[in-house]
Amino acid sequence: MNNKSESNNTASADTCRPSLTTGSADPYMEEICDKIRHGEPVGFMDALAAIEYQRQRKLQEPPPFWKRAIRFFLPNSQDQARGE
C-alpha cells in the first residue's frame, strides 16, 4: 500500500516539473536525484550515477536566452574568459 502511494506521488510530481517532461527522463534516476535533493541517504554507486545523469541532462538542455545573446553579440568572449 505504501509503495503504491509513493508511486502515485512521484507520477504527479513528474507532471508538475517541466524539466522532467522534456527529453527522455529516466524515472529511476529521477527518483534517486529527488532523494538526494531531500537529503535522504542513497548508495554510493547510485550517487555517482545520479551525478553523471544530471551532467548528461544539463548538456542536453539548450542554453538560456541571455547566454545565447552574449555569444551572438560577443562570439569570442567565451574563448577570452577561458584564456584561449
PDB file of N, CA and C in Angstrom:
ATOM      1  N   MET A   1       0.830  -1.192   0.000  1.00  0.00           N
ATOM      2  CA  MET A   1       0.000   0.000   0.000  1.00  0.00           C
ATOM      3  C   MET A   1       0.871   1.251   0.000  1.00  0.00           C
ATOM      4  N   ASN A   2       1.932   1.257   0.804  1.00  0.00           N
ATOM      5  CA  ASN A   2       2.792   2.416   0.886  1.00  0.00           C
ATOM      6  C   ASN A   2       3.522   2.651  -0.442  1.00  0.00           C
ATOM      7  N   ASN A   3       3.985   1.572  -1.105  1.00  0.00           N
ATOM      8  CA  ASN A   3       4.667   1.727  -2.384  1.00  0.00           C
ATOM      9  C   ASN A   3       3.740   2.308  -3.438  1.00  0.00           C
ATOM     10  N   LYS A   4       2.477   1.923  -3.386  1.00  0.00           N
ATOM     11  CA  LYS A   4       1.524   2.433  -4.363  1.00  0.00           C
ATOM     12  C   LYS A   4       1.326   3.936  -4.188  1.00  0.00           C
ATOM     13  N   SER A   5       1.218   4.397  -2.947  1.00  0.00           N
ATOM     14  CA  SER A   5       1.027   5.826  -2.716  1.00  0.00           C
ATOM     15  C   SER A   5       2.276   6.611  -3.107  1.00  0.00           C
ATOM     16  N   GLU A   6       3.462   6.016  -2.886  1.00  0.00           N
ATOM     17  CA  GLU A   6       4.689   6.694  -3.284  1.00  0.00           C
ATOM     18  C   GLU A   6       4.780   6.825  -4.795  1.00  0.00           C
ATOM     19  N   SER A   7       4.401   5.763  -5.517  1.00  0.00           N
ATOM     20  CA  SER A   7       4.476   5.837  -6.974  1.00  0.00           C
ATOM     21  C   SER A   7       3.472   6.844  -7.511  1.00  0.00           C
ATOM     22  N   ASN A   8       2.318   6.983  -6.861  1.00  0.00           N
ATOM     23  CA  ASN A   8       1.353   7.992  -7.290  1.00  0.00           C
ATOM     24  C   ASN A   8       1.888   9.394  -7.046  1.00  0.00           C
ATOM     25  N   ASN A   9       2.586   9.597  -5.926  1.00  0.00           N
ATOM     26  CA  ASN A   9       3.162  10.906  -5.629  1.00  0.00           C
ATOM     27  C   ASN A   9       4.236  11.282  -6.633  1.00  0.00           C
ATOM     28  N   THR A  10       5.101  10.331  -6.995  1.00  0.00           N
ATOM     29  CA  THR A  10       6.155  10.651  -7.946  1.00  0.00           C
ATOM     30  C   THR A  10       5.582  10.879  -9.330  1.00  0.00           C
ATOM     31  N   ALA A  11       4.522  10.193  -9.703  1.00  0.00           N
ATOM     32  CA  ALA A  11       3.926  10.405 -11.013  1.00  0.00           C
ATOM     33  C   ALA A  11       3.322  11.799 -11.107  1.00  0.00           C
ATOM     34  N   SER A  12       2.666  12.254 -10.049  1.00  0.00           N
ATOM     35  CA  SER A  12       2.089  13.587 -10.094  1.00  0.00           C
ATOM     36  C   SER A  12       3.178  14.651 -10.035  1.00  0.00           C
ATOM     37  N   ALA A  13       4.284  14.368  -9.347  1.00  0.00           N
ATOM     38  CA  ALA A  13       5.372  15.339  -9.280  1.00  0.00           C
ATOM     39  C   ALA A  13       6.053  15.478 -10.638  1.00  0.00           C
ATOM     40  N   ASP A  14       6.141  14.372 -11.399  1.00  0.00           N
ATOM     41  CA  ASP A  14       6.769  14.433 -12.712  1.00  0.00           C
ATOM     42  C   ASP A  14       5.990  15.321 -13.665  1.00  0.00           C
ATOM     43  N   THR A  15       4.678  15.332 -13.558  1.00  0.00           N
ATOM     44  CA  THR A  15       3.888  16.146 -14.469  1.00  0.00           C
ATOM     45  C   THR A  15       3.968  17.621 -14.107  1.00  0.00           C
ATOM     46  N   CYS A  16       4.331  17.945 -12.872  1.00  0.00           N
ATOM     47  CA  CYS A  16       4.420  19.336 -12.445  1.00  0.00           C
ATOM     48  C   CYS A  16       5.737  19.982 -12.842  1.00  0.00           C
ATOM     49  N   ARG A  17       6.759  19.198 -13.069  1.00  0.00           N
ATOM     50  CA  ARG A  17       8.073  19.743 -13.383  1.00  0.00           C
ATOM     51  C   ARG A  17       8.292  19.758 -14.886  1.00  0.00           C
ATOM     52  N   PRO A  18       8.464  20.929 -15.481  1.00  0.00           N
ATOM     53  CA  PRO A  18       8.690  20.967 -16.917  1.00  0.00           C
ATOM     54  C   PRO A  18      10.014  20.367 -17.333  1.00  0.00           C
ATOM     55  N   SER A  19      11.030  20.431 -16.475  1.00  0.00           N
ATOM     56  CA  SER A  19      12.331  19.897 -16.857  1.00  0.00           C
ATOM     57  C   SER A  19      12.303  18.374 -16.973  1.00  0.00           C
ATOM     58  N   LEU A  20      11.401  17.721 -16.255  1.00  0.00           N
ATOM     59  CA  LEU A  20      11.334  16.275 -16.319  1.00  0.00           C
ATOM     60  C   LEU A  20      10.544  15.792 -17.514  1.00  0.00           C
ATOM     61  N   THR A  21       9.660  16.608 -18.031  1.00  0.00           N
ATOM     62  CA  THR A  21       8.831  16.169 -19.138  1.00  0.00           C
ATOM     63  C   THR A  21       9.533  16.336 -20.474  1.00  0.00           C
ATOM     64  N   THR A  22      10.581  17.159 -20.542  1.00  0.00           N
ATOM     65  CA  THR A  22      11.312  17.337 -21.786  1.00  0.00           C
ATOM     66  C   THR A  22      12.407  16.300 -21.867  1.00  0.00           C
ATOM     67  N   GLY A  23      12.667  15.818 -23.063  1.00  0.00           N
ATOM     68  CA  GLY A  23      13.717  14.831 -23.246  1.00  0.00           C
ATOM     69  C   GLY A  23      13.287  13.465 -22.740  1.00  0.00           C
ATOM     70  N   SER A  24      14.259  12.602 -22.534  1.00  0.00           N
ATOM     71  CA  SER A  24      13.964  11.254 -22.066  1.00  0.00           C
ATOM     72  C   SER A  24      14.416  11.121 -20.620  1.00  0.00           C
ATOM     73  N   ALA A  25      13.512  11.352 -19.707  1.00  0.00           N
ATOM     74  CA  ALA A  25      13.831  11.277 -18.287  1.00  0.00           C
ATOM     75  C   ALA A  25      13.757   9.816 -17.834  1.00  0.00           C
ATOM     76  N   ASP A  26      14.735   9.398 -17.075  1.00  0.00           N
ATOM     77  CA  ASP A  26      14.777   8.056 -16.518  1.00  0.00           C
ATOM     78  C   ASP A  26      14.089   8.104 -15.156  1.00  0.00           C
ATOM     79  N   PRO A  27      12.962   7.423 -14.995  1.00  0.00           N
ATOM     80  CA  PRO A  27      12.223   7.524 -13.720  1.00  0.00           C
ATOM     81  C   PRO A  27      13.040   7.081 -12.507  1.00  0.00           C
ATOM     82  N   TYR A  28      13.857   6.033 -12.654  1.00  0.00           N
ATOM     83  CA  TYR A  28      14.648   5.568 -11.520  1.00  0.00           C
ATOM     84  C   TYR A  28      15.677   6.617 -11.117  1.00  0.00           C
ATOM     85  N   MET A  29      16.360   7.188 -12.106  1.00  0.00           N
ATOM     86  CA  MET A  29      17.377   8.193 -11.796  1.00  0.00           C
ATOM     87  C   MET A  29      16.744   9.467 -11.251  1.00  0.00           C
ATOM     88  N   GLU A  30      15.567   9.825 -11.724  1.00  0.00           N
ATOM     89  CA  GLU A  30      14.876  10.989 -11.178  1.00  0.00           C
ATOM     90  C   GLU A  30      14.492  10.746  -9.719  1.00  0.00           C
ATOM     91  N   GLU A  31      14.121   9.517  -9.397  1.00  0.00           N
ATOM     92  CA  GLU A  31      13.799   9.181  -8.009  1.00  0.00           C
ATOM     93  C   GLU A  31      15.036   9.294  -7.121  1.00  0.00           C
ATOM     94  N   ILE A  32      16.167   8.809  -7.616  1.00  0.00           N
ATOM     95  CA  ILE A  32      17.425   8.912  -6.863  1.00  0.00           C
ATOM     96  C   ILE A  32      17.803  10.382  -6.672  1.00  0.00           C
ATOM     97  N   CYS A  33      17.674  11.180  -7.730  1.00  0.00           N
ATOM     98  CA  CYS A  33      18.009  12.609  -7.639  1.00  0.00           C
ATOM     99  C   CYS A  33      17.095  13.322  -6.643  1.00  0.00           C
ATOM    100  N   ASP A  34      15.824  12.944  -6.627  1.00  0.00           N
ATOM    101  CA  ASP A  34      14.907  13.544  -5.657  1.00  0.00           C
ATOM    102  C   ASP A  34      15.304  13.179  -4.229  1.00  0.00           C
ATOM    103  N   LYS A  35      15.724  11.931  -4.033  1.00  0.00           N
ATOM    104  CA  LYS A  35      16.179  11.528  -2.697  1.00  0.00           C
ATOM    105  C   LYS A  35      17.384  12.363  -2.271  1.00  0.00           C
ATOM    106  N   ILE A  36      18.307  12.578  -3.195  1.00  0.00           N
ATOM    107  CA  ILE A  36      19.491  13.372  -2.877  1.00  0.00           C
ATOM    108  C   ILE A  36      19.084  14.801  -2.547  1.00  0.00           C
ATOM    109  N   ARG A  37      18.157  15.372  -3.324  1.00  0.00           N
ATOM    110  CA  ARG A  37      17.696  16.744  -3.078  1.00  0.00           C
ATOM    111  C   ARG A  37      17.043  16.895  -1.715  1.00  0.00           C
ATOM    112  N   HIS A  38      16.369  15.832  -1.274  1.00  0.00           N
ATOM    113  CA  HIS A  38      15.662  15.879   0.011  1.00  0.00           C
ATOM    114  C   HIS A  38      16.546  15.451   1.174  1.00  0.00           C
ATOM    115  N   GLY A  39      17.793  15.076   0.891  1.00  0.00           N
ATOM    116  CA  GLY A  39      18.721  14.717   1.951  1.00  0.00           C
ATOM    117  C   GLY A  39      18.578  13.287   2.443  1.00  0.00           C
ATOM    118  N   GLU A  40      17.891  12.446   1.690  1.00  0.00           N
ATOM    119  CA  GLU A  40      17.753  11.044   2.077  1.00  0.00           C
ATOM    120  C   GLU A  40      18.997  10.285   1.628  1.00  0.00           C
ATOM    121  N   PRO A  41      19.448   9.319   2.422  1.00  0.00           N
ATOM    122  CA  PRO A  41      20.664   8.586   2.052  1.00  0.00           C
ATOM    123  C   PRO A  41      20.434   7.682   0.842  1.00  0.00           C
ATOM    124  N   VAL A  42      21.439   7.641  -0.031  1.00  0.00           N
ATOM    125  CA  VAL A  42      21.421   6.744  -1.187  1.00  0.00           C
ATOM    126  C   VAL A  42      22.763   6.034  -1.229  1.00  0.00           C
ATOM    127  N   GLY A  43      22.838   4.981  -2.006  1.00  0.00           N
ATOM    128  CA  GLY A  43      24.088   4.248  -2.139  1.00  0.00           C
ATOM    129  C   GLY A  43      25.132   5.050  -2.899  1.00  0.00           C
ATOM    130  N   PHE A  44      26.386   4.675  -2.696  1.00  0.00           N
ATOM    131  CA  PHE A  44      27.497   5.394  -3.323  1.00  0.00           C
ATOM    132  C   PHE A  44      27.415   5.299  -4.840  1.00  0.00           C
ATOM    133  N   MET A  45      27.147   4.124  -5.375  1.00  0.00           N
ATOM    134  CA  MET A  45      27.070   3.946  -6.830  1.00  0.00           C
ATOM    135  C   MET A  45      25.870   4.696  -7.398  1.00  0.00           C
ATOM    136  N   ASP A  46      24.751   4.718  -6.663  1.00  0.00           N
ATOM    137  CA  ASP A  46      23.593   5.489  -7.108  1.00  0.00           C
ATOM    138  C   ASP A  46      23.908   6.982  -7.138  1.00  0.00           C
ATOM    139  N   ALA A  47      24.674   7.449  -6.155  1.00  0.00           N
ATOM    140  CA  ALA A  47      25.042   8.864  -6.122  1.00  0.00           C
ATOM    141  C   ALA A  47      25.926   9.226  -7.310  1.00  0.00           C
ATOM    142  N   LEU A  48      26.894   8.366  -7.620  1.00  0.00           N
ATOM    143  CA  LEU A  48      27.757   8.615  -8.780  1.00  0.00           C
ATOM    144  C   LEU A  48      26.954   8.581 -10.075  1.00  0.00           C
ATOM    145  N   ALA A  49      26.023   7.638 -10.174  1.00  0.00           N
ATOM    146  CA  ALA A  49      25.180   7.546 -11.370  1.00  0.00           C
ATOM    147  C   ALA A  49      24.284   8.778 -11.489  1.00  0.00           C
ATOM    148  N   ALA A  50      23.804   9.289 -10.372  1.00  0.00           N
ATOM    149  CA  ALA A  50      22.952  10.481 -10.393  1.00  0.00           C
ATOM    150  C   ALA A  50      23.739  11.702 -10.844  1.00  0.00           C
ATOM    151  N   ILE A  51      24.989  11.803 -10.426  1.00  0.00           N
ATOM    152  CA  ILE A  51      25.836  12.919 -10.855  1.00  0.00           C
ATOM    153  C   ILE A  51      26.031  12.871 -12.365  1.00  0.00           C
ATOM    154  N   GLU A  52      26.349  11.707 -12.887  1.00  0.00           N
ATOM    155  CA  GLU A  52      26.545  11.559 -14.326  1.00  0.00           C
ATOM    156  C   GLU A  52      25.243  11.811 -15.093  1.00  0.00           C
ATOM    157  N   TYR A  53      24.128  11.332 -14.549  1.00  0.00           N
ATOM    158  CA  TYR A  53      22.819  11.540 -15.174  1.00  0.00           C
ATOM    159  C   TYR A  53      22.479  13.026 -15.246  1.00  0.00           C
ATOM    160  N   GLN A  54      22.701  13.747 -14.151  1.00  0.00           N
ATOM    161  CA  GLN A  54      22.408  15.181 -14.145  1.00  0.00           C
ATOM    162  C   GLN A  54      23.340  15.937 -15.095  1.00  0.00           C
ATOM    163  N   ARG A  55      24.589  15.511 -15.193  1.00  0.00           N
ATOM    164  CA  ARG A  55      25.520  16.151 -16.118  1.00  0.00           C
ATOM    165  C   ARG A  55      25.061  15.961 -17.557  1.00  0.00           C
ATOM    166  N   GLN A  56      24.630  14.755 -17.886  1.00  0.00           N
ATOM    167  CA  GLN A  56      24.137  14.486 -19.237  1.00  0.00           C
ATOM    168  C   GLN A  56      22.863  15.270 -19.531  1.00  0.00           C
ATOM    169  N   ARG A  57      21.975  15.366 -18.551  1.00  0.00           N
ATOM    170  CA  ARG A  57      20.734  16.136 -18.744  1.00  0.00           C
ATOM    171  C   ARG A  57      21.049  17.613 -18.972  1.00  0.00           C
ATOM    172  N   LYS A  58      22.034  18.132 -18.234  1.00  0.00           N
ATOM    173  CA  LYS A  58      22.392  19.536 -18.391  1.00  0.00           C
ATOM    174  C   LYS A  58      22.988  19.800 -19.771  1.00  0.00           C
ATOM    175  N   LEU A  59      23.773  18.848 -20.288  1.00  0.00           N
ATOM    176  CA  LEU A  59      24.363  19.004 -21.616  1.00  0.00           C
ATOM    177  C   LEU A  59      23.295  18.994 -22.707  1.00  0.00           C
ATOM    178  N   GLN A  60      22.170  18.313 -22.467  1.00  0.00           N
ATOM    179  CA  GLN A  60      21.098  18.224 -23.456  1.00  0.00           C
ATOM    180  C   GLN A  60      20.229  19.474 -23.482  1.00  0.00           C
ATOM    181  N   GLU A  61      20.212  20.235 -22.396  1.00  0.00           N
ATOM    182  CA  GLU A  61      19.364  21.427 -22.342  1.00  0.00           C
ATOM    183  C   GLU A  61      19.970  22.547 -23.166  1.00  0.00           C
ATOM    184  N   PRO A  62      19.136  23.302 -23.869  1.00  0.00           N
ATOM    185  CA  PRO A  62      19.683  24.455 -24.586  1.00  0.00           C
ATOM    186  C   PRO A  62      20.077  25.542 -23.591  1.00  0.00           C
ATOM    187  N   PRO A  63      21.074  26.355 -23.935  1.00  0.00           N
ATOM    188  CA  PRO A  63      21.489  27.417 -23.007  1.00  0.00           C
ATOM    189  C   PRO A  63      20.399  28.478 -22.877  1.00  0.00           C
ATOM    190  N   PRO A  64      20.366  29.185 -21.753  1.00  0.00           N
ATOM    191  CA  PRO A  64      19.374  30.244 -21.565  1.00  0.00           C
ATOM    192  C   PRO A  64      19.538  31.343 -22.620  1.00  0.00           C
ATOM    193  N   PHE A  65      18.487  32.107 -22.800  1.00  0.00           N
ATOM    194  CA  PHE A  65      18.472  33.149 -23.823  1.00  0.00           C
ATOM    195  C   PHE A  65      19.612  34.140 -23.641  1.00  0.00           C
ATOM    196  N   TRP A  66      19.859  34.572 -22.402  1.00  0.00           N
ATOM    197  CA  TRP A  66      20.883  35.585 -22.186  1.00  0.00           C
ATOM    198  C   TRP A  66      22.266  35.089 -22.575  1.00  0.00           C
ATOM    199  N   LYS A  67      22.544  33.791 -22.385  1.00  0.00           N
ATOM    200  CA  LYS A  67      23.846  33.253 -22.789  1.00  0.00           C
ATOM    201  C   LYS A  67      23.956  33.183 -24.310  1.00  0.00           C
ATOM    202  N   ARG A  68      22.845  32.827 -24.964  1.00  0.00           N
ATOM    203  CA  ARG A  68      22.866  32.810 -26.430  1.00  0.00           C
ATOM    204  C   ARG A  68      23.044  34.214 -26.978  1.00  0.00           C
ATOM    205  N   ALA A  69      22.421  35.208 -26.341  1.00  0.00           N
ATOM    206  CA  ALA A  69      22.546  36.592 -26.804  1.00  0.00           C
ATOM    207  C   ALA A  69      23.978  37.089 -26.639  1.00  0.00           C
ATOM    208  N   ILE A  70      24.622  36.767 -25.526  1.00  0.00           N
ATOM    209  CA  ILE A  70      26.014  37.176 -25.307  1.00  0.00           C
ATOM    210  C   ILE A  70      26.913  36.539 -26.356  1.00  0.00           C
ATOM    211  N   ARG A  71      26.692  35.247 -26.630  1.00  0.00           N
ATOM    212  CA  ARG A  71      27.503  34.576 -27.645  1.00  0.00           C
ATOM    213  C   ARG A  71      27.272  35.155 -29.032  1.00  0.00           C
ATOM    214  N   PHE A  72      26.042  35.609 -29.291  1.00  0.00           N
ATOM    215  CA  PHE A  72      25.739  36.192 -30.591  1.00  0.00           C
ATOM    216  C   PHE A  72      26.455  37.531 -30.770  1.00  0.00           C
ATOM    217  N   PHE A  73      26.379  38.380 -29.744  1.00  0.00           N
ATOM    218  CA  PHE A  73      26.972  39.705 -29.851  1.00  0.00           C
ATOM    219  C   PHE A  73      28.479  39.711 -29.583  1.00  0.00           C
ATOM    220  N   LEU A  74      28.942  38.815 -28.749  1.00  0.00           N
ATOM    221  CA  LEU A  74      30.366  38.733 -28.411  1.00  0.00           C
ATOM    222  C   LEU A  74      30.846  37.297 -28.627  1.00  0.00           C
ATOM    223  N   PRO A  75      31.028  36.877 -29.876  1.00  0.00           N
ATOM    224  CA  PRO A  75      31.329  35.459 -30.133  1.00  0.00           C
ATOM    225  C   PRO A  75      32.649  34.988 -29.533  1.00  0.00           C
ATOM    226  N   ASN A  76      33.615  35.868 -29.334  1.00  0.00           N
ATOM    227  CA  ASN A  76      34.914  35.458 -28.786  1.00  0.00           C
ATOM    228  C   ASN A  76      35.018  35.646 -27.286  1.00  0.00           C
ATOM    229  N   SER A  77      33.965  36.148 -26.641  1.00  0.00           N
ATOM    230  CA  SER A  77      34.059  36.439 -25.204  1.00  0.00           C
ATOM    231  C   SER A  77      34.256  35.166 -24.391  1.00  0.00           C
ATOM    232  N   GLN A  78      33.669  34.058 -24.809  1.00  0.00           N
ATOM    233  CA  GLN A  78      33.806  32.813 -24.053  1.00  0.00           C
ATOM    234  C   GLN A  78      35.248  32.297 -24.174  1.00  0.00           C
ATOM    235  N   ASP A  79      35.853  32.424 -25.346  1.00  0.00           N
ATOM    236  CA  ASP A  79      37.235  31.981 -25.515  1.00  0.00           C
ATOM    237  C   ASP A  79      38.195  32.837 -24.710  1.00  0.00           C
ATOM    238  N   GLN A  80      37.942  34.144 -24.625  1.00  0.00           N
ATOM    239  CA  GLN A  80      38.814  35.032 -23.874  1.00  0.00           C
ATOM    240  C   GLN A  80      38.701  34.774 -22.368  1.00  0.00           C
ATOM    241  N   ALA A  81      37.510  34.415 -21.900  1.00  0.00           N
ATOM    242  CA  ALA A  81      37.322  34.144 -20.482  1.00  0.00           C
ATOM    243  C   ALA A  81      38.097  32.902 -20.061  1.00  0.00           C
ATOM    244  N   ARG A  82      38.237  31.950 -20.962  1.00  0.00           N
ATOM    245  CA  ARG A  82      38.972  30.725 -20.668  1.00  0.00           C
ATOM    246  C   ARG A  82      40.470  30.891 -20.844  1.00  0.00           C
ATOM    247  N   GLY A  83      40.891  32.017 -21.438  1.00  0.00           N
ATOM    248  CA  GLY A  83      42.320  32.250 -21.635  1.00  0.00           C
ATOM    249  C   GLY A  83      42.853  31.646 -22.900  1.00  0.00           C
ATOM    250  N   GLU A  84      41.989  31.376 -23.866  1.00  0.00           N
ATOM    251  CA  GLU A  84      42.444  30.783 -25.131  1.00  0.00           C
ATOM    252  C   GLU A  84      42.801  31.840 -26.140  1.00  0.00           C
TER     253      GLU A  84
END
